[in-house]
Amino acid sequence: MAQITLEQEDQLRRIERDAFLSFDGQLEELEKALGILRLGHHIGWKPLVLGHSKKTISKYEEILGIRLREIFPAEGPSADRSHGFRIAKKLSNFWKAVSGEAAVEGRQSITKDA
């Protein structure tokens, strides 16, 4: 698990508050965006973009008013819990896995052991 600093926790709370106050749409979309916000420090932005389409990531970034790559590390301490990310790291080109050009089975799975 990531050890989140007080400054990072403050930043997450501000982003959550601002997203909630400015959000207008389906509750489910806000819930999912907030979930990504809370996972980012733990798994990193690369597993997040691997498990979601570009369109979905853009939607969540817009809801949160952030860019995932500007806030989270590429790989967090729990990145290898992502089954798809473990496989994608073995490929010669990570971005082929993200784009779907290289098939990655279980790309949205997370395990308790890694």
PDB file of N, CA and C in Angstrom:
ATOM      1  N   MET A   1       0.843  -1.192   0.000  1.00  0.00           N
ATOM      2  CA  MET A   1       0.000   0.000   0.000  1.00  0.00           C
ATOM      3  C   MET A   1       0.879   1.243   0.000  1.00  0.00           C
ATOM      4  N   ALA A   2       0.407   2.250  -0.656  1.00  0.00           N
ATOM      5  CA  ALA A   2       1.124   3.526  -0.666  1.00  0.00           C
ATOM      6  C   ALA A   2       1.004   4.194   0.697  1.00  0.00           C
ATOM      7  N   GLN A   3       2.061   4.845   1.084  1.00  0.00           N
ATOM      8  CA  GLN A   3       2.041   5.668   2.290  1.00  0.00           C
ATOM      9  C   GLN A   3       1.767   7.102   1.828  1.00  0.00           C
ATOM     10  N   ILE A   4       0.549   7.543   1.977  1.00  0.00           N
ATOM     11  CA  ILE A   4       0.136   8.856   1.480  1.00  0.00           C
ATOM     12  C   ILE A   4       0.478   9.916   2.519  1.00  0.00           C
ATOM     13  N   THR A   5       1.154  10.956   2.058  1.00  0.00           N
ATOM     14  CA  THR A   5       1.536  12.036   2.960  1.00  0.00           C
ATOM     15  C   THR A   5       0.321  12.886   3.308  1.00  0.00           C
ATOM     16  N   LEU A   6       0.471  13.699   4.339  1.00  0.00           N
ATOM     17  CA  LEU A   6      -0.618  14.616   4.705  1.00  0.00           C
ATOM     18  C   LEU A   6      -0.935  15.568   3.565  1.00  0.00           C
ATOM     19  N   GLU A   7       0.092  16.011   2.842  1.00  0.00           N
ATOM     20  CA  GLU A   7      -0.131  16.918   1.710  1.00  0.00           C
ATOM     21  C   GLU A   7      -0.915  16.219   0.599  1.00  0.00           C
ATOM     22  N   GLN A   8      -0.566  14.959   0.331  1.00  0.00           N
ATOM     23  CA  GLN A   8      -1.289  14.215  -0.696  1.00  0.00           C
ATOM     24  C   GLN A   8      -2.738  13.975  -0.276  1.00  0.00           C
ATOM     25  N   GLU A   9      -2.939  13.643   0.987  1.00  0.00           N
ATOM     26  CA  GLU A   9      -4.300  13.423   1.483  1.00  0.00           C
ATOM     27  C   GLU A   9      -5.116  14.704   1.388  1.00  0.00           C
ATOM     28  N   ASP A  10      -4.512  15.834   1.714  1.00  0.00           N
ATOM     29  CA  ASP A  10      -5.181  17.131   1.561  1.00  0.00           C
ATOM     30  C   ASP A  10      -5.567  17.369   0.109  1.00  0.00           C
ATOM     31  N   GLN A  11      -4.641  17.077  -0.793  1.00  0.00           N
ATOM     32  CA  GLN A  11      -4.900  17.259  -2.224  1.00  0.00           C
ATOM     33  C   GLN A  11      -6.070  16.379  -2.665  1.00  0.00           C
ATOM     34  N   LEU A  12      -6.086  15.114  -2.243  1.00  0.00           N
ATOM     35  CA  LEU A  12      -7.178  14.211  -2.604  1.00  0.00           C
ATOM     36  C   LEU A  12      -8.517  14.720  -2.084  1.00  0.00           C
ATOM     37  N   ARG A  13      -8.526  15.197  -0.857  1.00  0.00           N
ATOM     38  CA  ARG A  13      -9.774  15.735  -0.287  1.00  0.00           C
ATOM     39  C   ARG A  13     -10.260  16.965  -1.052  1.00  0.00           C
ATOM     40  N   ARG A  14      -9.335  17.839  -1.447  1.00  0.00           N
ATOM     41  CA  ARG A  14      -9.727  19.035  -2.227  1.00  0.00           C
ATOM     42  C   ARG A  14     -10.310  18.617  -3.566  1.00  0.00           C
ATOM     43  N   ILE A  15      -9.654  17.671  -4.218  1.00  0.00           N
ATOM     44  CA  ILE A  15     -10.142  17.203  -5.522  1.00  0.00           C
ATOM     45  C   ILE A  15     -11.531  16.583  -5.363  1.00  0.00           C
ATOM     46  N   GLU A  16     -11.706  15.745  -4.350  1.00  0.00           N
ATOM     47  CA  GLU A  16     -13.023  15.135  -4.085  1.00  0.00           C
ATOM     48  C   GLU A  16     -14.085  16.197  -3.853  1.00  0.00           C
ATOM     49  N   ARG A  17     -13.767  17.148  -2.985  1.00  0.00           N
ATOM     50  CA  ARG A  17     -14.736  18.202  -2.651  1.00  0.00           C
ATOM     51  C   ARG A  17     -15.114  18.997  -3.890  1.00  0.00           C
ATOM     52  N   ASP A  18     -14.110  19.423  -4.631  1.00  0.00           N
ATOM     53  CA  ASP A  18     -14.382  20.233  -5.821  1.00  0.00           C
ATOM     54  C   ASP A  18     -15.171  19.456  -6.865  1.00  0.00           C
ATOM     55  N   ALA A  19     -14.819  18.165  -7.038  1.00  0.00           N
ATOM     56  CA  ALA A  19     -15.549  17.332  -8.004  1.00  0.00           C
ATOM     57  C   ALA A  19     -16.999  17.174  -7.577  1.00  0.00           C
ATOM     58  N   PHE A  20     -17.221  16.926  -6.302  1.00  0.00           N
ATOM     59  CA  PHE A  20     -18.579  16.759  -5.803  1.00  0.00           C
ATOM     60  C   PHE A  20     -19.396  18.038  -5.972  1.00  0.00           C
ATOM     61  N   LEU A  21     -18.810  19.168  -5.618  1.00  0.00           N
ATOM     62  CA  LEU A  21     -19.538  20.436  -5.691  1.00  0.00           C
ATOM     63  C   LEU A  21     -19.864  20.860  -7.117  1.00  0.00           C
ATOM     64  N   SER A  22     -18.994  20.508  -8.058  1.00  0.00           N
ATOM     65  CA  SER A  22     -19.216  20.951  -9.434  1.00  0.00           C
ATOM     66  C   SER A  22     -19.870  19.894 -10.316  1.00  0.00           C
ATOM     67  N   PHE A  23     -20.056  18.685  -9.796  1.00  0.00           N
ATOM     68  CA  PHE A  23     -20.557  17.588 -10.623  1.00  0.00           C
ATOM     69  C   PHE A  23     -22.031  17.738 -10.953  1.00  0.00           C
ATOM     70  N   ASP A  24     -22.335  17.431 -12.208  1.00  0.00           N
ATOM     71  CA  ASP A  24     -23.708  17.420 -12.702  1.00  0.00           C
ATOM     72  C   ASP A  24     -23.801  16.255 -13.664  1.00  0.00           C
ATOM     73  N   GLY A  25     -24.451  15.192 -13.264  1.00  0.00           N
ATOM     74  CA  GLY A  25     -24.537  14.015 -14.123  1.00  0.00           C
ATOM     75  C   GLY A  25     -24.998  12.808 -13.345  1.00  0.00           C
ATOM     76  N   GLN A  26     -24.679  11.633 -13.876  1.00  0.00           N
ATOM     77  CA  GLN A  26     -25.072  10.376 -13.261  1.00  0.00           C
ATOM     78  C   GLN A  26     -24.175  10.072 -12.062  1.00  0.00           C
ATOM     79  N   LEU A  27     -24.789   9.759 -10.939  1.00  0.00           N
ATOM     80  CA  LEU A  27     -24.069   9.476  -9.702  1.00  0.00           C
ATOM     81  C   LEU A  27     -23.006   8.400  -9.895  1.00  0.00           C
ATOM     82  N   GLU A  28     -23.310   7.397 -10.673  1.00  0.00           N
ATOM     83  CA  GLU A  28     -22.374   6.294 -10.915  1.00  0.00           C
ATOM     84  C   GLU A  28     -21.050   6.796 -11.513  1.00  0.00           C
ATOM     85  N   GLU A  29     -21.110   7.776 -12.386  1.00  0.00           N
ATOM     86  CA  GLU A  29     -19.886   8.314 -12.984  1.00  0.00           C
ATOM     87  C   GLU A  29     -19.028   9.017 -11.938  1.00  0.00           C
ATOM     88  N   LEU A  30     -19.653   9.774 -11.053  1.00  0.00           N
ATOM     89  CA  LEU A  30     -18.914  10.435  -9.979  1.00  0.00           C
ATOM     90  C   LEU A  30     -18.290   9.390  -9.054  1.00  0.00           C
ATOM     91  N   GLU A  31     -19.050   8.357  -8.709  1.00  0.00           N
ATOM     92  CA  GLU A  31     -18.530   7.296  -7.833  1.00  0.00           C
ATOM     93  C   GLU A  31     -17.297   6.636  -8.444  1.00  0.00           C
ATOM     94  N   LYS A  32     -17.350   6.324  -9.720  1.00  0.00           N
ATOM     95  CA  LYS A  32     -16.221   5.666 -10.379  1.00  0.00           C
ATOM     96  C   LYS A  32     -15.011   6.590 -10.473  1.00  0.00           C
ATOM     97  N   ALA A  33     -15.248   7.847 -10.761  1.00  0.00           N
ATOM     98  CA  ALA A  33     -14.138   8.810 -10.824  1.00  0.00           C
ATOM     99  C   ALA A  33     -13.472   8.934  -9.461  1.00  0.00           C
ATOM    100  N   LEU A  34     -14.266   8.999  -8.399  1.00  0.00           N
ATOM    101  CA  LEU A  34     -13.704   9.093  -7.053  1.00  0.00           C
ATOM    102  C   LEU A  34     -12.956   7.816  -6.676  1.00  0.00           C
ATOM    103  N   GLY A  35     -13.417   6.688  -7.171  1.00  0.00           N
ATOM    104  CA  GLY A  35     -12.713   5.431  -6.932  1.00  0.00           C
ATOM    105  C   GLY A  35     -11.332   5.435  -7.559  1.00  0.00           C
ATOM    106  N   ILE A  36     -11.231   5.915  -8.780  1.00  0.00           N
ATOM    107  CA  ILE A  36      -9.927   6.019  -9.449  1.00  0.00           C
ATOM    108  C   ILE A  36      -9.014   6.962  -8.678  1.00  0.00           C
ATOM    109  N   LEU A  37      -9.592   8.034  -8.181  1.00  0.00           N
ATOM    110  CA  LEU A  37      -8.803   8.992  -7.405  1.00  0.00           C
ATOM    111  C   LEU A  37      -8.173   8.314  -6.193  1.00  0.00           C
ATOM    112  N   ARG A  38      -8.911   7.442  -5.544  1.00  0.00           N
ATOM    113  CA  ARG A  38      -8.404   6.784  -4.340  1.00  0.00           C
ATOM    114  C   ARG A  38      -7.469   5.613  -4.646  1.00  0.00           C
ATOM    115  N   LEU A  39      -7.535   5.052  -5.831  1.00  0.00           N
ATOM    116  CA  LEU A  39      -6.644   3.956  -6.204  1.00  0.00           C
ATOM    117  C   LEU A  39      -5.302   4.436  -6.755  1.00  0.00           C
ATOM    118  N   GLY A  40      -5.272   5.643  -7.282  1.00  0.00           N
ATOM    119  CA  GLY A  40      -4.103   6.128  -8.010  1.00  0.00           C
ATOM    120  C   GLY A  40      -2.771   6.004  -7.308  1.00  0.00           C
ATOM    121  N   HIS A  41      -2.677   6.431  -6.059  1.00  0.00           N
ATOM    122  CA  HIS A  41      -1.404   6.358  -5.347  1.00  0.00           C
ATOM    123  C   HIS A  41      -0.991   4.906  -5.093  1.00  0.00           C
ATOM    124  N   HIS A  42      -1.946   4.027  -4.980  1.00  0.00           N
ATOM    125  CA  HIS A  42      -1.656   2.628  -4.660  1.00  0.00           C
ATOM    126  C   HIS A  42      -1.194   1.832  -5.875  1.00  0.00           C
ATOM    127  N   ILE A  43      -1.866   2.000  -7.014  1.00  0.00           N
ATOM    128  CA  ILE A  43      -1.477   1.207  -8.188  1.00  0.00           C
ATOM    129  C   ILE A  43      -0.786   2.017  -9.269  1.00  0.00           C
ATOM    130  N   GLY A  44      -0.982   3.331  -9.301  1.00  0.00           N
ATOM    131  CA  GLY A  44      -0.333   4.163 -10.315  1.00  0.00           C
ATOM    132  C   GLY A  44      -1.224   4.384 -11.528  1.00  0.00           C
ATOM    133  N   TRP A  45      -0.812   5.353 -12.350  1.00  0.00           N
ATOM    134  CA  TRP A  45      -1.655   5.691 -13.492  1.00  0.00           C
ATOM    135  C   TRP A  45      -1.576   4.660 -14.611  1.00  0.00           C
ATOM    136  N   LYS A  46      -0.459   3.962 -14.754  1.00  0.00           N
ATOM    137  CA  LYS A  46      -0.367   2.982 -15.847  1.00  0.00           C
ATOM    138  C   LYS A  46      -1.384   1.848 -15.703  1.00  0.00           C
ATOM    139  N   PRO A  47      -1.502   1.211 -14.535  1.00  0.00           N
ATOM    140  CA  PRO A  47      -2.561   0.196 -14.412  1.00  0.00           C
ATOM    141  C   PRO A  47      -3.963   0.780 -14.603  1.00  0.00           C
ATOM    142  N   LEU A  48      -4.158   2.027 -14.196  1.00  0.00           N
ATOM    143  CA  LEU A  48      -5.477   2.645 -14.376  1.00  0.00           C
ATOM    144  C   LEU A  48      -5.804   2.818 -15.856  1.00  0.00           C
ATOM    145  N   VAL A  49      -4.854   3.326 -16.640  1.00  0.00           N
ATOM    146  CA  VAL A  49      -5.152   3.531 -18.065  1.00  0.00           C
ATOM    147  C   VAL A  49      -5.227   2.207 -18.815  1.00  0.00           C
ATOM    148  N   LEU A  50      -4.559   1.195 -18.313  1.00  0.00           N
ATOM    149  CA  LEU A  50      -4.644  -0.126 -18.931  1.00  0.00           C
ATOM    150  C   LEU A  50      -6.031  -0.726 -18.730  1.00  0.00           C
ATOM    151  N   GLY A  51      -6.632  -0.490 -17.588  1.00  0.00           N
ATOM    152  CA  GLY A  51      -7.919  -1.092 -17.271  1.00  0.00           C
ATOM    153  C   GLY A  51      -9.132  -0.329 -17.761  1.00  0.00           C
ATOM    154  N   HIS A  52      -8.921   0.840 -18.365  1.00  0.00           N
ATOM    155  CA  HIS A  52     -10.041   1.664 -18.827  1.00  0.00           C
ATOM    156  C   HIS A  52      -9.744   2.195 -20.225  1.00  0.00           C
ATOM    157  N   SER A  53     -10.775   2.512 -20.959  1.00  0.00           N
ATOM    158  CA  SER A  53     -10.588   3.104 -22.290  1.00  0.00           C
ATOM    159  C   SER A  53     -10.115   4.546 -22.149  1.00  0.00           C
ATOM    160  N   LYS A  54      -9.527   5.062 -23.226  1.00  0.00           N
ATOM    161  CA  LYS A  54      -9.087   6.470 -23.230  1.00  0.00           C
ATOM    162  C   LYS A  54     -10.267   7.397 -22.956  1.00  0.00           C
ATOM    163  N   LYS A  55     -11.407   7.058 -23.524  1.00  0.00           N
ATOM    164  CA  LYS A  55     -12.599   7.882 -23.348  1.00  0.00           C
ATOM    165  C   LYS A  55     -13.018   7.910 -21.874  1.00  0.00           C
ATOM    166  N   THR A  56     -12.983   6.756 -21.223  1.00  0.00           N
ATOM    167  CA  THR A  56     -13.369   6.674 -19.813  1.00  0.00           C
ATOM    168  C   THR A  56     -12.390   7.441 -18.940  1.00  0.00           C
ATOM    169  N   ILE A  57     -11.097   7.267 -19.190  1.00  0.00           N
ATOM    170  CA  ILE A  57     -10.084   7.996 -18.411  1.00  0.00           C
ATOM    171  C   ILE A  57     -10.288   9.497 -18.589  1.00  0.00           C
ATOM    172  N   SER A  58     -10.521   9.943 -19.813  1.00  0.00           N
ATOM    173  CA  SER A  58     -10.756  11.373 -20.063  1.00  0.00           C
ATOM    174  C   SER A  58     -11.981  11.875 -19.315  1.00  0.00           C
ATOM    175  N   LYS A  59     -13.040  11.063 -19.300  1.00  0.00           N
ATOM    176  CA  LYS A  59     -14.270  11.448 -18.596  1.00  0.00           C
ATOM    177  C   LYS A  59     -13.997  11.607 -17.101  1.00  0.00           C
ATOM    178  N   TYR A  60     -13.282  10.657 -16.510  1.00  0.00           N
ATOM    179  CA  TYR A  60     -12.987  10.725 -15.082  1.00  0.00           C
ATOM    180  C   TYR A  60     -12.051  11.893 -14.762  1.00  0.00           C
ATOM    181  N   GLU A  61     -11.076  12.124 -15.618  1.00  0.00           N
ATOM    182  CA  GLU A  61     -10.181  13.265 -15.401  1.00  0.00           C
ATOM    183  C   GLU A  61     -10.964  14.579 -15.455  1.00  0.00           C
ATOM    184  N   GLU A  62     -11.913  14.659 -16.361  1.00  0.00           N
ATOM    185  CA  GLU A  62     -12.735  15.865 -16.461  1.00  0.00           C
ATOM    186  C   GLU A  62     -13.596  16.042 -15.205  1.00  0.00           C
ATOM    187  N   ILE A  63     -14.194  14.966 -14.739  1.00  0.00           N
ATOM    188  CA  ILE A  63     -15.013  15.033 -13.524  1.00  0.00           C
ATOM    189  C   ILE A  63     -14.168  15.503 -12.344  1.00  0.00           C
ATOM    190  N   LEU A  64     -12.946  14.983 -12.240  1.00  0.00           N
ATOM    191  CA  LEU A  64     -12.066  15.294 -11.113  1.00  0.00           C
ATOM    192  C   LEU A  64     -11.281  16.592 -11.288  1.00  0.00           C
ATOM    193  N   GLY A  65     -11.214  17.086 -12.520  1.00  0.00           N
ATOM    194  CA  GLY A  65     -10.451  18.303 -12.782  1.00  0.00           C
ATOM    195  C   GLY A  65      -8.952  18.093 -12.651  1.00  0.00           C
ATOM    196  N   ILE A  66      -8.492  16.908 -13.014  1.00  0.00           N
ATOM    197  CA  ILE A  66      -7.070  16.576 -12.897  1.00  0.00           C
ATOM    198  C   ILE A  66      -6.599  15.810 -14.121  1.00  0.00           C
ATOM    199  N   ARG A  67      -5.292  15.605 -14.186  1.00  0.00           N
ATOM    200  CA  ARG A  67      -4.676  14.660 -15.123  1.00  0.00           C
ATOM    201  C   ARG A  67      -4.012  13.601 -14.249  1.00  0.00           C
ATOM    202  N   LEU A  68      -4.366  12.362 -14.422  1.00  0.00           N
ATOM    203  CA  LEU A  68      -3.837  11.282 -13.584  1.00  0.00           C
ATOM    204  C   LEU A  68      -2.313  11.281 -13.552  1.00  0.00           C
ATOM    205  N   ARG A  69      -1.701  11.509 -14.701  1.00  0.00           N
ATOM    206  CA  ARG A  69      -0.235  11.460 -14.795  1.00  0.00           C
ATOM    207  C   ARG A  69       0.445  12.576 -14.009  1.00  0.00           C
ATOM    208  N   GLU A  70      -0.277  13.629 -13.723  1.00  0.00           N
ATOM    209  CA  GLU A  70       0.314  14.751 -12.979  1.00  0.00           C
ATOM    210  C   GLU A  70       0.236  14.547 -11.467  1.00  0.00           C
ATOM    211  N   ILE A  71      -0.579  13.612 -11.030  1.00  0.00           N
ATOM    212  CA  ILE A  71      -0.779  13.416  -9.592  1.00  0.00           C
ATOM    213  C   ILE A  71      -0.190  12.096  -9.102  1.00  0.00           C
ATOM    214  N   PHE A  72      -0.302  11.055  -9.914  1.00  0.00           N
ATOM    215  CA  PHE A  72       0.082   9.722  -9.463  1.00  0.00           C
ATOM    216  C   PHE A  72       1.361   9.241 -10.134  1.00  0.00           C
ATOM    217  N   PRO A  73       2.079   8.331  -9.457  1.00  0.00           N
ATOM    218  CA  PRO A  73       3.259   7.736 -10.085  1.00  0.00           C
ATOM    219  C   PRO A  73       2.810   6.802 -11.215  1.00  0.00           C
ATOM    220  N   ALA A  74       3.710   6.512 -12.138  1.00  0.00           N
ATOM    221  CA  ALA A  74       3.382   5.567 -13.205  1.00  0.00           C
ATOM    222  C   ALA A  74       3.018   4.207 -12.618  1.00  0.00           C
ATOM    223  N   GLU A  75       3.786   3.773 -11.627  1.00  0.00           N
ATOM    224  CA  GLU A  75       3.535   2.508 -10.940  1.00  0.00           C
ATOM    225  C   GLU A  75       3.537   2.761  -9.448  1.00  0.00           C
ATOM    226  N   GLY A  76       2.455   2.440  -8.789  1.00  0.00           N
ATOM    227  CA  GLY A  76       2.408   2.547  -7.339  1.00  0.00           C
ATOM    228  C   GLY A  76       2.914   1.263  -6.707  1.00  0.00           C
ATOM    229  N   PRO A  77       3.047   1.230  -5.387  1.00  0.00           N
ATOM    230  CA  PRO A  77       3.566   0.046  -4.710  1.00  0.00           C
ATOM    231  C   PRO A  77       2.697  -1.203  -4.887  1.00  0.00           C
ATOM    232  N   SER A  78       1.450  -1.045  -5.248  1.00  0.00           N
ATOM    233  CA  SER A  78       0.564  -2.193  -5.470  1.00  0.00           C
ATOM    234  C   SER A  78       0.251  -2.421  -6.945  1.00  0.00           C
ATOM    235  N   ALA A  79       1.040  -1.846  -7.830  1.00  0.00           N
ATOM    236  CA  ALA A  79       0.792  -1.963  -9.276  1.00  0.00           C
ATOM    237  C   ALA A  79       0.725  -3.416  -9.734  1.00  0.00           C
ATOM    238  N   ASP A  80       1.568  -4.259  -9.171  1.00  0.00           N
ATOM    239  CA  ASP A  80       1.607  -5.649  -9.615  1.00  0.00           C
ATOM    240  C   ASP A  80       0.416  -6.481  -9.152  1.00  0.00           C
ATOM    241  N   ARG A  81      -0.457  -5.893  -8.357  1.00  0.00           N
ATOM    242  CA  ARG A  81      -1.712  -6.581  -8.042  1.00  0.00           C
ATOM    243  C   ARG A  81      -2.631  -6.588  -9.256  1.00  0.00           C
ATOM    244  N   SER A  82      -2.369  -5.696 -10.209  1.00  0.00           N
ATOM    245  CA  SER A  82      -3.135  -5.659 -11.448  1.00  0.00           C
ATOM    246  C   SER A  82      -2.617  -6.759 -12.375  1.00  0.00           C
ATOM    247  N   HIS A  83      -3.458  -7.761 -12.604  1.00  0.00           N
ATOM    248  CA  HIS A  83      -3.088  -8.890 -13.454  1.00  0.00           C
ATOM    249  C   HIS A  83      -2.678  -8.410 -14.849  1.00  0.00           C
ATOM    250  N   GLY A  84      -3.490  -7.546 -15.411  1.00  0.00           N
ATOM    251  CA  GLY A  84      -3.203  -7.034 -16.751  1.00  0.00           C
ATOM    252  C   GLY A  84      -1.901  -6.258 -16.807  1.00  0.00           C
ATOM    253  N   PHE A  85      -1.607  -5.499 -15.770  1.00  0.00           N
ATOM    254  CA  PHE A  85      -0.373  -4.716 -15.757  1.00  0.00           C
ATOM    255  C   PHE A  85       0.851  -5.618 -15.673  1.00  0.00           C
ATOM    256  N   ARG A  86       0.761  -6.684 -14.885  1.00  0.00           N
ATOM    257  CA  ARG A  86       1.884  -7.632 -14.810  1.00  0.00           C
ATOM    258  C   ARG A  86       2.188  -8.199 -16.191  1.00  0.00           C
ATOM    259  N   ILE A  87       1.141  -8.520 -16.941  1.00  0.00           N
ATOM    260  CA  ILE A  87       1.325  -9.060 -18.288  1.00  0.00           C
ATOM    261  C   ILE A  87       1.845  -7.975 -19.226  1.00  0.00           C
ATOM    262  N   ALA A  88       1.257  -6.796 -19.167  1.00  0.00           N
ATOM    263  CA  ALA A  88       1.640  -5.703 -20.070  1.00  0.00           C
ATOM    264  C   ALA A  88       3.106  -5.307 -19.887  1.00  0.00           C
ATOM    265  N   LYS A  89       3.621  -5.402 -18.669  1.00  0.00           N
ATOM    266  CA  LYS A  89       5.030  -5.044 -18.428  1.00  0.00           C
ATOM    267  C   LYS A  89       5.986  -5.976 -19.168  1.00  0.00           C
ATOM    268  N   LYS A  90       5.527  -7.176 -19.464  1.00  0.00           N
ATOM    269  CA  LYS A  90       6.373  -8.136 -20.171  1.00  0.00           C
ATOM    270  C   LYS A  90       6.389  -7.893 -21.675  1.00  0.00           C
ATOM    271  N   LEU A  91       5.450  -7.113 -22.160  1.00  0.00           N
ATOM    272  CA  LEU A  91       5.386  -6.809 -23.589  1.00  0.00           C
ATOM    273  C   LEU A  91       6.447  -5.786 -23.939  1.00  0.00           C
ATOM    274  N   SER A  92       6.821  -5.749 -25.197  1.00  0.00           N
ATOM    275  CA  SER A  92       7.844  -4.788 -25.625  1.00  0.00           C
ATOM    276  C   SER A  92       7.310  -3.358 -25.645  1.00  0.00           C
ATOM    277  N   ASN A  93       5.989  -3.209 -25.771  1.00  0.00           N
ATOM    278  CA  ASN A  93       5.418  -1.868 -25.854  1.00  0.00           C
ATOM    279  C   ASN A  93       4.139  -1.792 -25.018  1.00  0.00           C
ATOM    280  N   PHE A  94       4.247  -1.153 -23.862  1.00  0.00           N
ATOM    281  CA  PHE A  94       3.113  -0.994 -22.945  1.00  0.00           C
ATOM    282  C   PHE A  94       1.928  -0.345 -23.648  1.00  0.00           C
ATOM    283  N   TRP A  95       2.173   0.643 -24.493  1.00  0.00           N
ATOM    284  CA  TRP A  95       1.083   1.388 -25.127  1.00  0.00           C
ATOM    285  C   TRP A  95       0.292   0.543 -26.115  1.00  0.00           C
ATOM    286  N   LYS A  96       0.895  -0.520 -26.655  1.00  0.00           N
ATOM    287  CA  LYS A  96       0.123  -1.434 -27.496  1.00  0.00           C
ATOM    288  C   LYS A  96      -0.923  -2.159 -26.660  1.00  0.00           C
ATOM    289  N   ALA A  97      -0.575  -2.460 -25.412  1.00  0.00           N
ATOM    290  CA  ALA A  97      -1.548  -3.091 -24.513  1.00  0.00           C
ATOM    291  C   ALA A  97      -2.663  -2.118 -24.171  1.00  0.00           C
ATOM    292  N   VAL A  98      -2.320  -0.871 -23.922  1.00  0.00           N
ATOM    293  CA  VAL A  98      -3.322   0.142 -23.579  1.00  0.00           C
ATOM    294  C   VAL A  98      -4.288   0.355 -24.742  1.00  0.00           C
ATOM    295  N   SER A  99      -3.735   0.433 -25.960  1.00  0.00           N
ATOM    296  CA  SER A  99      -4.580   0.698 -27.125  1.00  0.00           C
ATOM    297  C   SER A  99      -5.411  -0.502 -27.544  1.00  0.00           C
ATOM    298  N   GLY A 100      -5.062  -1.684 -27.051  1.00  0.00           N
ATOM    299  CA  GLY A 100      -5.776  -2.885 -27.444  1.00  0.00           C
ATOM    300  C   GLY A 100      -5.119  -3.593 -28.610  1.00  0.00           C
ATOM    301  N   GLU A 101      -4.044  -3.021 -29.141  1.00  0.00           N
ATOM    302  CA  GLU A 101      -3.327  -3.638 -30.254  1.00  0.00           C
ATOM    303  C   GLU A 101      -2.720  -4.975 -29.820  1.00  0.00           C
ATOM    304  N   ALA A 102      -2.278  -5.041 -28.571  1.00  0.00           N
ATOM    305  CA  ALA A 102      -1.791  -6.297 -27.994  1.00  0.00           C
ATOM    306  C   ALA A 102      -2.821  -6.743 -26.951  1.00  0.00           C
ATOM    307  N   ALA A 103      -3.350  -7.917 -27.133  1.00  0.00           N
ATOM    308  CA  ALA A 103      -4.377  -8.413 -26.209  1.00  0.00           C
ATOM    309  C   ALA A 103      -3.768  -8.735 -24.850  1.00  0.00           C
ATOM    310  N   VAL A 104      -4.440  -8.282 -23.803  1.00  0.00           N
ATOM    311  CA  VAL A 104      -4.009  -8.564 -22.429  1.00  0.00           C
ATOM    312  C   VAL A 104      -5.214  -9.125 -21.689  1.00  0.00           C
ATOM    313  N   GLU A 105      -5.158 -10.422 -21.456  1.00  0.00           N
ATOM    314  CA  GLU A 105      -6.260 -11.075 -20.761  1.00  0.00           C
ATOM    315  C   GLU A 105      -6.284 -10.641 -19.294  1.00  0.00           C
ATOM    316  N   GLY A 106      -7.465 -10.394 -18.777  1.00  0.00           N
ATOM    317  CA  GLY A 106      -7.607 -10.022 -17.373  1.00  0.00           C
ATOM    318  C   GLY A 106      -7.097  -8.628 -17.074  1.00  0.00           C
ATOM    319  N   ARG A 107      -7.135  -7.751 -18.035  1.00  0.00           N
ATOM    320  CA  ARG A 107      -6.561  -6.409 -17.868  1.00  0.00           C
ATOM    321  C   ARG A 107      -7.238  -5.590 -16.784  1.00  0.00           C
ATOM    322  N   GLN A 108      -8.456  -5.965 -16.398  1.00  0.00           N
ATOM    323  CA  GLN A 108      -9.163  -5.226 -15.352  1.00  0.00           C
ATOM    324  C   GLN A 108      -9.185  -5.964 -14.020  1.00  0.00           C
ATOM    325  N   SER A 109      -8.498  -7.086 -13.932  1.00  0.00           N
ATOM    326  CA  SER A 109      -8.481  -7.879 -12.703  1.00  0.00           C
ATOM    327  C   SER A 109      -7.439  -7.370 -11.722  1.00  0.00           C
ATOM    328  N   ILE A 110      -7.766  -7.497 -10.465  1.00  0.00           N
ATOM    329  CA  ILE A 110      -6.813  -7.165  -9.401  1.00  0.00           C
ATOM    330  C   ILE A 110      -6.820  -8.343  -8.435  1.00  0.00           C
ATOM    331  N   THR A 111      -5.657  -8.676  -7.927  1.00  0.00           N
ATOM    332  CA  THR A 111      -5.547  -9.803  -7.020  1.00  0.00           C
ATOM    333  C   THR A 111      -5.115  -9.328  -5.640  1.00  0.00           C
ATOM    334  N   LYS A 112      -5.362 -10.142  -4.640  1.00  0.00           N
ATOM    335  CA  LYS A 112      -4.943  -9.768  -3.300  1.00  0.00           C
ATOM    336  C   LYS A 112      -3.493 -10.111  -3.060  1.00  0.00           C
ATOM    337  N   ASP A 113      -2.918 -10.974  -3.871  1.00  0.00           N
ATOM    338  CA  ASP A 113      -1.512 -11.364  -3.723  1.00  0.00           C
ATOM    339  C   ASP A 113      -0.739 -10.985  -4.973  1.00  0.00           C
ATOM    340  N   ALA A 114       0.402 -10.403  -4.774  1.00  0.00           N
ATOM    341  CA  ALA A 114       1.287 -10.117  -5.911  1.00  0.00           C
ATOM    342  C   ALA A 114       2.683  -9.886  -5.399  1.00  0.00           C
TER     343      ALA A 114
END
